[in-house]
Amino acid sequence: MDSSTLNLTAKYDVVVVGGGPVGLATALECAKAKCKVLVLEQSVFYNQSGSSGDLLRMYRTAYTEDFMATLAFQSMSIWDELEKEAGEPLRVMSGLLNFGDPDYGAGGPEGTLMGPVPNLDKYGLKYTKLGRNDIQENFPFQNLPDKWVGLDMSDNGCINVPLLLRTLHRLCREHGVDLFDYATVKRVNGASAQGTAFAFRTDKIALTPGAYVNHILFPSFGFTLDVNIWEMASRVSGYYSIDPSIEFKKMWFHFEGDSTYGGKPVSNLFYGFPAVPWSPPNMCRIAVDTATNVIADPDQRAYPVISPEDLENTRRWIHEHVLGVGPHPVPVFAGTCLQTNVSDNMFVLDFVPERYIRAQGSNADKSIVIFTAGWAMKFVPLLGRVLKDLLVDGQAPNYDISHFDIDRKPDDKPIIRDGPVMKERDMSLNVCAGSSIRRLGH
């Protein structure tokens, strides 16, 4: 849809700013609730500029935190509903192998290795505990330390990201959602979403622009979110050619504390995916779960630059521990994505606080909802439903989202900050190459 076919001052019940998977899922749920809905995307739909590029992501139910495990369990039936409406699977339920050091401590990006077990038991999710020999006999790994253990969990899989995006886009069209690309929103308030050439009137707004959230919040309300944006080398695509006789049966994640290389700490948190029907044959995506390049604003992104440190760290680990990649593993192709994080590694999912709405001279409390930060792909259908509940009903009592409050202060440090993005702020605590102390994950 373009400006020639759209009334640029039309009135909508809900305007969604950001046409990635969470924005599209929100629009779809609102349309099902009989709302007139518009999605505004600053680029094209299915673009590579944010965090939803490439071919696949993890769908997992293994969480150490009780509230995340509960949301993951709730998401299972909502994924099933979406796939039923889609008419085809959007995931391959390959299972997940978590393995590594059983003593790996809390505070890392994926919790602890054995931390999910109580929640798996609570929700009746199947798992098998493995020893080091079991892992090496049944999976393509080698040279693992004797004490390494694993959890083989079946209720997990690989999300077909291109199909998910196209399905949500198609279902939105079928439900009457207006979809407008190349529509950069400059400012929102309790009554409209405004760009250079449009000013759509609306009762409710969902802000789901990922890393670009502060491009809207500061011009609109004078505050920003204190986010660190990770240019995650290989997280989107680090595909390695493998021997056709070697089979990666399922997703996997390796838990181990940091080591030192070249006088610097490097992460030993690695993950990988099996070859799937929609990816290149005989290639597996393998990457380190960390980032060397950290930015405060997406405009600082170094598009052509993939961190050589992250790629070399991954190559060394693959050479030592993964079968079938040859003596000199080099990715066939690789890329980056923008992964937005706040200091406690959780989502931001809340209304724009009333004090900022009132400062605009508006009385439209609970009219604008924000979602950003965190690892959201596995929760996309659930997040669409939660955001719909907040927009339509003003609350989402069926889901515990209290941990994602915008006014929380992790370690006594607010997420909200009055003023613009501090693009030159000291980020030395965050740029220690490869350190798993950086709480990514989820």
Protein backbone atom coordinates (compact mmCIF):
# COMPACT_ATOMS: atom_id res chain seq x y z
CA MET A 1 0.00 0.00 0.00
CA ASP A 2 1.25 3.51 -0.74
CA SER A 3 0.11 7.09 -0.34
CA SER A 4 -1.80 6.96 -3.62
CA THR A 5 -4.25 4.40 -2.19
CA LEU A 6 -4.40 5.54 1.43
CA ASN A 7 -6.16 8.48 3.05
CA LEU A 8 -3.21 10.10 4.83
CA THR A 9 -5.39 11.65 7.53
CA ALA A 10 -7.72 8.68 8.06
CA LYS A 11 -8.99 7.70 11.51
CA TYR A 12 -8.11 4.26 12.98
CA ASP A 13 -8.92 2.47 16.18
CA VAL A 14 -5.30 1.26 16.45
CA VAL A 15 -2.10 2.33 14.71
CA VAL A 16 0.90 0.02 15.02
CA VAL A 17 4.30 1.64 14.48
CA GLY A 18 6.80 -1.01 13.34
CA GLY A 19 5.97 -3.81 10.91
CA GLY A 20 8.17 -6.58 12.26
CA PRO A 21 6.74 -9.82 13.65
CA VAL A 22 5.56 -8.34 16.97
CA GLY A 23 3.92 -5.38 15.23
CA LEU A 24 2.20 -7.60 12.67
CA ALA A 25 1.03 -10.04 15.37
CA THR A 26 -0.39 -7.10 17.34
CA ALA A 27 -2.20 -5.76 14.28
CA LEU A 28 -3.64 -9.19 13.53
CA GLU A 29 -4.97 -9.67 17.05
CA CYS A 30 -6.49 -6.17 17.10
CA ALA A 31 -8.15 -6.76 13.74
CA LYS A 32 -9.67 -9.99 15.09
CA ALA A 33 -11.06 -7.90 17.93
CA LYS A 34 -12.97 -5.86 15.29
CA CYS A 35 -10.62 -2.87 15.38
CA LYS A 36 -9.77 -0.79 12.32
CA VAL A 37 -5.98 -1.15 12.21
CA LEU A 38 -3.06 0.48 10.37
CA VAL A 39 0.59 -0.69 10.42
CA LEU A 40 3.28 1.87 9.61
CA GLU A 41 6.70 0.46 8.65
CA GLN A 42 9.61 2.82 7.99
CA SER A 43 11.28 0.40 5.56
CA VAL A 44 9.80 -2.43 3.52
CA PHE A 45 8.12 -5.34 5.21
CA TYR A 46 10.47 -8.35 5.75
CA ASN A 47 13.51 -6.05 5.80
CA GLN A 48 16.94 -6.88 7.29
CA SER A 49 17.36 -3.63 9.23
CA GLY A 50 16.24 -4.84 12.65
CA SER A 51 16.31 -8.12 14.52
CA SER A 52 14.10 -10.35 12.35
CA GLY A 53 16.31 -10.93 9.34
CA ASP A 54 17.72 -14.27 8.21
CA LEU A 55 16.06 -17.69 8.13
CA LEU A 56 15.40 -19.09 11.58
CA ARG A 57 15.22 -18.52 15.32
CA MET A 58 14.85 -20.69 18.37
CA TYR A 59 11.45 -21.67 19.69
CA ARG A 60 12.12 -22.86 23.23
CA THR A 61 10.28 -23.57 26.45
CA ALA A 62 13.31 -24.07 28.72
CA TYR A 63 13.60 -21.14 31.13
CA THR A 64 15.18 -20.76 34.54
CA GLU A 65 12.91 -17.86 35.59
CA ASP A 66 9.46 -19.00 36.69
CA PHE A 67 7.61 -16.14 34.99
CA MET A 68 9.41 -16.64 31.66
CA ALA A 69 8.73 -20.38 31.81
CA THR A 70 5.04 -19.65 32.42
CA LEU A 71 4.86 -17.30 29.43
CA ALA A 72 6.69 -19.85 27.28
CA PHE A 73 4.19 -22.53 28.29
CA GLN A 74 1.27 -20.18 27.57
CA SER A 75 2.75 -19.40 24.16
CA MET A 76 2.56 -23.05 23.06
CA SER A 77 -1.19 -23.10 22.46
CA ILE A 78 -1.14 -19.64 20.85
CA TRP A 79 1.50 -20.81 18.38
CA ASP A 80 -0.72 -23.80 17.61
CA GLU A 81 -3.67 -21.46 16.95
CA LEU A 82 -1.59 -19.30 14.60
CA GLU A 83 -0.35 -22.33 12.67
CA LYS A 84 -3.88 -23.64 12.34
CA GLU A 85 -5.01 -20.32 10.87
CA ALA A 86 -1.92 -20.20 8.66
CA GLY A 87 -2.74 -23.63 7.26
CA GLU A 88 0.83 -24.86 7.63
CA PRO A 89 3.55 -25.26 10.28
CA LEU A 90 5.63 -22.20 11.11
CA ARG A 91 8.06 -24.23 13.24
CA VAL A 92 9.99 -27.46 12.97
CA MET A 93 9.91 -29.08 16.39
CA SER A 94 13.42 -30.48 16.26
CA GLY A 95 14.00 -30.40 20.00
CA LEU A 96 16.78 -28.64 21.91
CA LEU A 97 20.00 -29.93 23.45
CA ASN A 98 21.43 -27.76 26.24
CA PHE A 99 24.82 -29.03 27.32
CA GLY A 100 28.02 -27.97 29.00
CA ASP A 101 29.38 -27.25 32.45
CA PRO A 102 26.86 -28.24 35.15
CA ASP A 103 28.45 -25.65 37.44
CA TYR A 104 27.90 -22.74 35.02
CA GLY A 105 26.66 -19.96 37.28
CA ALA A 106 23.60 -17.74 37.34
CA GLY A 107 23.60 -14.36 35.62
CA GLY A 108 24.48 -15.58 32.14
CA PRO A 109 22.32 -14.96 29.10
CA GLU A 110 20.39 -18.23 29.12
CA GLY A 111 20.13 -18.85 32.87
CA THR A 112 21.85 -21.98 34.15
CA LEU A 113 22.16 -25.33 32.43
CA MET A 114 19.99 -27.27 34.89
CA GLY A 115 17.93 -24.30 36.05
CA PRO A 116 14.95 -25.06 33.74
CA VAL A 117 14.38 -28.55 35.21
CA PRO A 118 11.91 -27.49 37.97
CA ASN A 119 9.85 -25.55 35.42
CA LEU A 120 9.96 -28.40 32.91
CA ASP A 121 8.63 -30.68 35.67
CA LYS A 122 6.01 -28.11 36.64
CA TYR A 123 4.51 -27.99 33.15
CA GLY A 124 5.01 -31.65 32.27
CA LEU A 125 7.51 -30.95 29.49
CA LYS A 126 9.69 -33.91 28.51
CA TYR A 127 13.45 -33.99 28.95
CA THR A 128 16.28 -36.49 29.24
CA LYS A 129 19.46 -35.93 31.23
CA LEU A 130 22.64 -36.90 29.38
CA GLY A 131 26.26 -37.44 30.34
CA ARG A 132 29.28 -36.43 28.32
CA ASN A 133 29.54 -39.79 26.57
CA ASP A 134 25.82 -39.73 25.70
CA ILE A 135 26.27 -36.34 24.07
CA GLN A 136 29.30 -37.35 22.00
CA GLU A 137 27.74 -40.63 20.92
CA ASN A 138 24.44 -39.12 19.78
CA PHE A 139 25.41 -35.64 18.58
CA PRO A 140 28.24 -34.27 16.39
CA PHE A 141 30.41 -32.94 19.22
CA GLN A 142 33.88 -33.98 20.29
CA ASN A 143 36.59 -33.27 22.90
CA LEU A 144 34.09 -32.33 25.59
CA PRO A 145 35.31 -32.30 29.21
CA ASP A 146 34.45 -35.39 31.23
CA LYS A 147 32.06 -33.59 33.59
CA TRP A 148 29.92 -32.04 30.81
CA VAL A 149 26.21 -32.95 31.02
CA GLY A 150 23.16 -32.20 28.90
CA LEU A 151 19.40 -31.78 28.79
CA ASP A 152 17.65 -33.13 25.68
CA MET A 153 14.23 -31.44 25.46
CA SER A 154 11.60 -32.22 22.84
CA ASP A 155 9.14 -29.30 23.20
CA ASN A 156 11.40 -26.88 21.33
CA GLY A 157 12.14 -26.16 17.70
CA CYS A 158 13.16 -23.85 14.88
CA ILE A 159 11.00 -20.93 13.77
CA ASN A 160 10.73 -20.38 10.01
CA VAL A 161 11.21 -16.61 10.21
CA PRO A 162 10.52 -15.70 6.54
CA LEU A 163 7.35 -17.79 6.54
CA LEU A 164 6.24 -16.36 9.90
CA LEU A 165 6.60 -12.79 8.62
CA ARG A 166 4.84 -13.48 5.32
CA THR A 167 2.08 -15.37 7.07
CA LEU A 168 1.42 -12.57 9.54
CA HIS A 169 1.48 -10.06 6.69
CA ARG A 170 -0.97 -12.18 4.67
CA LEU A 171 -3.32 -12.74 7.59
CA CYS A 172 -3.29 -9.03 8.40
CA ARG A 173 -4.39 -8.28 4.83
CA GLU A 174 -7.09 -10.95 5.01
CA HIS A 175 -8.42 -9.38 8.21
CA GLY A 176 -8.55 -5.90 6.66
CA VAL A 177 -5.44 -4.35 8.20
CA ASP A 178 -3.98 -1.44 6.20
CA LEU A 179 -0.23 -1.97 5.69
CA PHE A 180 1.84 1.08 4.77
CA ASP A 181 5.60 0.76 4.13
CA TYR A 182 8.19 3.51 3.71
CA ALA A 183 6.19 5.36 6.36
CA THR A 184 8.58 6.78 8.95
CA VAL A 185 6.75 8.02 12.04
CA LYS A 186 8.30 11.16 13.48
CA ARG A 187 5.99 11.78 16.43
CA VAL A 188 2.99 10.29 18.24
CA ASN A 189 0.52 11.55 20.79
CA GLY A 190 -2.72 10.35 22.31
CA ALA A 191 -4.61 11.15 19.12
CA SER A 192 -2.32 10.67 16.11
CA ALA A 193 0.78 9.17 14.50
CA GLN A 194 2.58 11.72 12.38
CA GLY A 195 5.19 11.59 9.63
CA THR A 196 6.46 14.03 7.06
CA ALA A 197 3.54 13.42 4.69
CA PHE A 198 0.84 11.92 6.92
CA ALA A 199 -0.97 12.39 10.20
CA PHE A 200 -3.18 9.41 10.96
CA ARG A 201 -5.74 9.93 13.69
CA THR A 202 -6.18 7.13 16.16
CA ASP A 203 -7.46 6.15 19.58
CA LYS A 204 -4.63 3.74 20.46
CA ILE A 205 -1.02 3.28 19.36
CA ALA A 206 1.37 0.34 19.67
CA LEU A 207 5.05 1.25 19.39
CA THR A 208 6.93 -1.86 18.23
CA PRO A 209 9.92 -0.42 16.32
CA GLY A 210 12.63 -2.44 18.09
CA ALA A 211 15.99 -0.68 18.13
CA TYR A 212 14.44 2.46 16.66
CA VAL A 213 12.16 3.09 19.64
CA ASN A 214 13.98 6.22 20.84
CA HIS A 215 13.61 7.81 17.39
CA ILE A 216 9.93 8.15 18.29
CA LEU A 217 9.93 8.48 22.07
CA PHE A 218 12.22 11.51 22.38
CA PRO A 219 10.54 13.74 19.76
CA SER A 220 7.15 12.75 21.15
CA PHE A 221 7.66 12.80 24.91
CA GLY A 222 11.16 14.08 25.69
CA PHE A 223 12.38 10.79 27.19
CA THR A 224 14.37 7.82 25.92
CA LEU A 225 14.96 4.27 27.07
CA ASP A 226 18.44 3.35 28.27
CA VAL A 227 19.10 0.62 25.75
CA ASN A 228 22.25 -1.04 24.50
CA ILE A 229 21.95 -2.22 20.92
CA TRP A 230 24.10 -5.18 20.01
CA GLU A 231 25.38 -5.71 16.50
CA MET A 232 25.37 -9.44 16.85
CA ALA A 233 27.89 -10.93 14.44
CA SER A 234 26.80 -14.32 13.21
CA ARG A 235 23.65 -14.14 15.28
CA VAL A 236 21.62 -13.63 12.15
CA SER A 237 23.69 -15.75 9.83
CA GLY A 238 26.88 -17.67 10.44
CA TYR A 239 26.36 -20.66 8.17
CA TYR A 240 29.02 -23.36 8.04
CA SER A 241 29.21 -26.08 5.43
CA ILE A 242 29.12 -29.56 6.98
CA ASP A 243 29.91 -33.06 5.80
CA PRO A 244 26.67 -34.54 4.38
CA SER A 245 27.25 -37.67 6.50
CA ILE A 246 27.05 -35.60 9.71
CA GLU A 247 23.58 -34.92 11.05
CA PHE A 248 22.71 -32.07 13.40
CA LYS A 249 19.45 -33.44 14.77
CA LYS A 250 18.29 -30.42 16.72
CA MET A 251 19.08 -27.00 18.05
CA TRP A 252 21.73 -26.81 20.74
CA PHE A 253 23.21 -24.41 23.24
CA HIS A 254 26.58 -24.79 24.95
CA PHE A 255 27.08 -23.52 28.52
CA GLU A 256 30.58 -22.69 29.77
CA GLY A 257 32.19 -19.77 31.56
CA ASP A 258 34.48 -17.30 29.84
CA SER A 259 38.05 -18.11 28.89
CA THR A 260 40.90 -15.82 27.80
CA TYR A 261 42.32 -15.35 24.32
CA GLY A 262 44.89 -12.72 23.40
CA GLY A 263 44.66 -11.29 26.90
CA LYS A 264 40.92 -10.69 26.61
CA PRO A 265 37.96 -12.61 28.02
CA VAL A 266 35.99 -14.46 25.37
CA SER A 267 32.60 -16.10 25.63
CA ASN A 268 32.13 -19.86 25.48
CA LEU A 269 28.38 -19.59 25.05
CA PHE A 270 27.65 -21.01 21.61
CA TYR A 271 24.49 -22.17 19.89
CA GLY A 272 23.48 -23.76 16.63
CA PHE A 273 20.65 -24.93 14.44
CA PRO A 274 20.15 -28.00 12.29
CA ALA A 275 19.83 -27.71 8.55
CA VAL A 276 16.15 -27.06 7.86
CA PRO A 277 14.11 -27.42 4.67
CA TRP A 278 14.05 -23.68 3.99
CA SER A 279 17.81 -23.12 4.51
CA PRO A 280 20.77 -23.98 2.26
CA PRO A 281 21.44 -27.75 2.23
CA ASN A 282 24.30 -29.16 4.28
CA MET A 283 24.79 -25.94 6.16
CA CYS A 284 24.32 -25.28 9.86
CA ARG A 285 24.05 -21.94 11.53
CA ILE A 286 26.48 -21.68 14.47
CA ALA A 287 27.27 -18.54 16.46
CA VAL A 288 28.54 -17.15 19.73
CA ASP A 289 25.87 -15.69 22.01
CA THR A 290 27.50 -12.35 22.55
CA ALA A 291 28.47 -9.16 20.71
CA THR A 292 31.62 -7.09 20.50
CA ASN A 293 30.08 -4.08 18.75
CA VAL A 294 27.67 -2.17 21.00
CA ILE A 295 25.87 1.00 19.94
CA ALA A 296 23.43 3.40 21.54
CA ASP A 297 21.45 4.27 18.42
CA PRO A 298 20.74 2.30 15.21
CA ASP A 299 22.13 5.19 13.15
CA GLN A 300 25.56 4.19 14.50
CA ARG A 301 25.35 0.75 12.91
CA ALA A 302 28.40 -0.37 10.94
CA TYR A 303 26.52 -2.21 8.21
CA PRO A 304 29.44 -3.76 6.30
CA VAL A 305 31.44 -4.67 9.42
CA ILE A 306 31.18 -8.08 11.10
CA SER A 307 33.24 -8.35 14.25
CA PRO A 308 36.38 -10.36 13.42
CA GLU A 309 36.73 -11.18 17.12
CA ASP A 310 33.31 -12.83 17.27
CA LEU A 311 33.90 -14.78 14.06
CA GLU A 312 37.35 -15.96 15.14
CA ASN A 313 36.08 -17.00 18.57
CA THR A 314 33.33 -19.03 16.91
CA ARG A 315 35.72 -20.58 14.39
CA ARG A 316 38.13 -21.73 17.10
CA TRP A 317 35.37 -23.37 19.15
CA ILE A 318 33.89 -25.12 16.12
CA HIS A 319 37.30 -26.45 15.11
CA GLU A 320 37.81 -27.96 18.58
CA HIS A 321 34.35 -29.32 19.33
CA VAL A 322 32.16 -29.76 16.21
CA LEU A 323 32.40 -32.70 13.83
CA GLY A 324 32.02 -32.43 10.08
CA VAL A 325 33.15 -28.84 9.46
CA GLY A 326 36.70 -29.55 8.32
CA PRO A 327 40.05 -28.44 9.74
CA HIS A 328 39.58 -24.76 8.89
CA PRO A 329 35.92 -23.85 9.45
CA VAL A 330 34.92 -20.58 7.82
CA PRO A 331 31.31 -19.44 7.45
CA VAL A 332 29.95 -19.61 3.92
CA PHE A 333 28.10 -16.42 4.68
CA ALA A 334 27.55 -14.31 7.78
CA GLY A 335 25.71 -11.20 8.88
CA THR A 336 24.56 -9.13 11.83
CA CYS A 337 21.32 -8.06 13.40
CA LEU A 338 20.36 -5.35 15.88
CA GLN A 339 19.49 -6.84 19.25
CA THR A 340 18.05 -4.31 21.69
CA ASN A 341 18.65 -4.83 25.40
CA VAL A 342 18.01 -3.08 28.68
CA SER A 343 20.12 -3.68 31.76
CA ASP A 344 18.12 -6.57 33.23
CA ASN A 345 17.81 -8.42 29.92
CA MET A 346 14.02 -8.38 29.95
CA PHE A 347 11.33 -6.95 27.68
CA VAL A 348 9.97 -3.44 27.99
CA LEU A 349 6.22 -3.94 27.68
CA ASP A 350 4.08 -1.21 29.16
CA PHE A 351 2.04 1.93 28.54
CA VAL A 352 3.78 5.26 28.06
CA PRO A 353 3.58 6.61 31.63
CA GLU A 354 0.70 8.92 32.38
CA ARG A 355 3.00 11.81 33.35
CA TYR A 356 4.33 12.03 29.78
CA ILE A 357 0.90 11.76 28.20
CA ARG A 358 -0.39 14.57 30.43
CA ALA A 359 2.67 16.70 29.60
CA GLN A 360 1.47 16.66 25.99
CA GLY A 361 -1.77 18.21 27.16
CA SER A 362 -3.68 14.98 26.57
CA ASN A 363 -5.99 13.05 28.90
CA ALA A 364 -5.70 9.87 26.82
CA ASP A 365 -4.10 7.68 29.49
CA LYS A 366 -3.31 4.09 28.53
CA SER A 367 -3.47 5.05 24.88
CA ILE A 368 0.11 4.24 23.80
CA VAL A 369 1.84 0.91 24.48
CA ILE A 370 5.56 0.25 24.00
CA PHE A 371 7.25 -3.05 23.26
CA THR A 372 11.00 -3.32 22.78
CA ALA A 373 14.11 -5.18 23.99
CA GLY A 374 14.70 -8.82 24.70
CA TRP A 375 14.59 -12.03 22.68
CA ALA A 376 11.02 -11.96 21.41
CA MET A 377 10.69 -14.18 18.32
CA LYS A 378 9.65 -17.26 20.29
CA PHE A 379 6.91 -15.20 21.98
CA VAL A 380 5.56 -13.41 18.90
CA PRO A 381 1.96 -14.77 18.90
CA LEU A 382 1.67 -14.34 22.67
CA LEU A 383 3.05 -10.80 22.56
CA GLY A 384 0.56 -9.89 19.85
CA ARG A 385 -2.24 -11.06 22.13
CA VAL A 386 -0.87 -9.26 25.18
CA LEU A 387 -0.49 -6.00 23.27
CA LYS A 388 -4.03 -6.38 21.90
CA ASP A 389 -5.37 -6.86 25.43
CA LEU A 390 -3.56 -3.75 26.63
CA LEU A 391 -4.78 -1.67 23.69
CA VAL A 392 -8.38 -2.90 23.64
CA ASP A 393 -9.03 -3.65 27.32
CA GLY A 394 -6.39 -1.57 29.09
CA GLN A 395 -4.99 -4.63 30.86
CA ALA A 396 -3.72 -8.16 30.24
CA PRO A 397 -4.68 -10.10 33.38
CA ASN A 398 -4.04 -13.53 31.88
CA TYR A 399 -0.30 -12.88 31.49
CA ASP A 400 2.27 -11.87 34.09
CA ILE A 401 3.99 -8.90 32.47
CA SER A 402 4.83 -7.18 35.75
CA HIS A 403 8.55 -7.83 35.22
CA PHE A 404 8.51 -5.71 32.04
CA ASP A 405 7.30 -2.46 33.66
CA ILE A 406 8.82 0.60 32.01
CA ASP A 407 9.41 2.37 35.34
CA ARG A 408 11.37 -0.48 36.93
CA LYS A 409 14.89 0.20 38.17
CA PRO A 410 17.18 -2.81 37.75
CA ASP A 411 20.08 -2.47 40.21
CA ASP A 412 18.60 0.93 41.12
CA LYS A 413 19.14 2.21 37.57
CA PRO A 414 16.03 3.51 35.75
CA ILE A 415 15.24 2.32 32.25
CA ILE A 416 13.55 5.64 31.43
CA ARG A 417 15.83 8.64 31.02
CA ASP A 418 14.69 12.21 30.38
CA GLY A 419 16.52 13.69 27.41
CA PRO A 420 17.97 12.37 24.13
CA VAL A 421 20.05 9.27 23.48
CA MET A 422 23.57 9.67 24.88
CA LYS A 423 25.38 8.45 21.77
CA GLU A 424 28.82 9.18 23.18
CA ARG A 425 28.27 7.74 26.67
CA ASP A 426 30.91 5.52 28.20
CA MET A 427 30.03 1.94 27.34
CA SER A 428 33.30 0.43 28.56
CA LEU A 429 31.47 -1.94 30.88
CA ASN A 430 29.74 -3.45 27.88
CA VAL A 431 32.43 -3.74 25.22
CA CYS A 432 34.70 -6.31 26.85
CA ALA A 433 34.93 -8.65 23.89
CA GLY A 434 33.02 -11.85 24.27
CA SER A 435 32.18 -11.51 27.95
CA SER A 436 29.19 -13.61 28.91
CA ILE A 437 28.75 -11.31 31.91
CA ARG A 438 26.72 -9.26 29.46
CA ARG A 439 23.23 -10.49 30.07
CA LEU A 440 21.88 -11.21 26.63
CA GLY A 441 19.77 -14.28 26.07
CA HIS A 442 16.08 -15.08 26.33
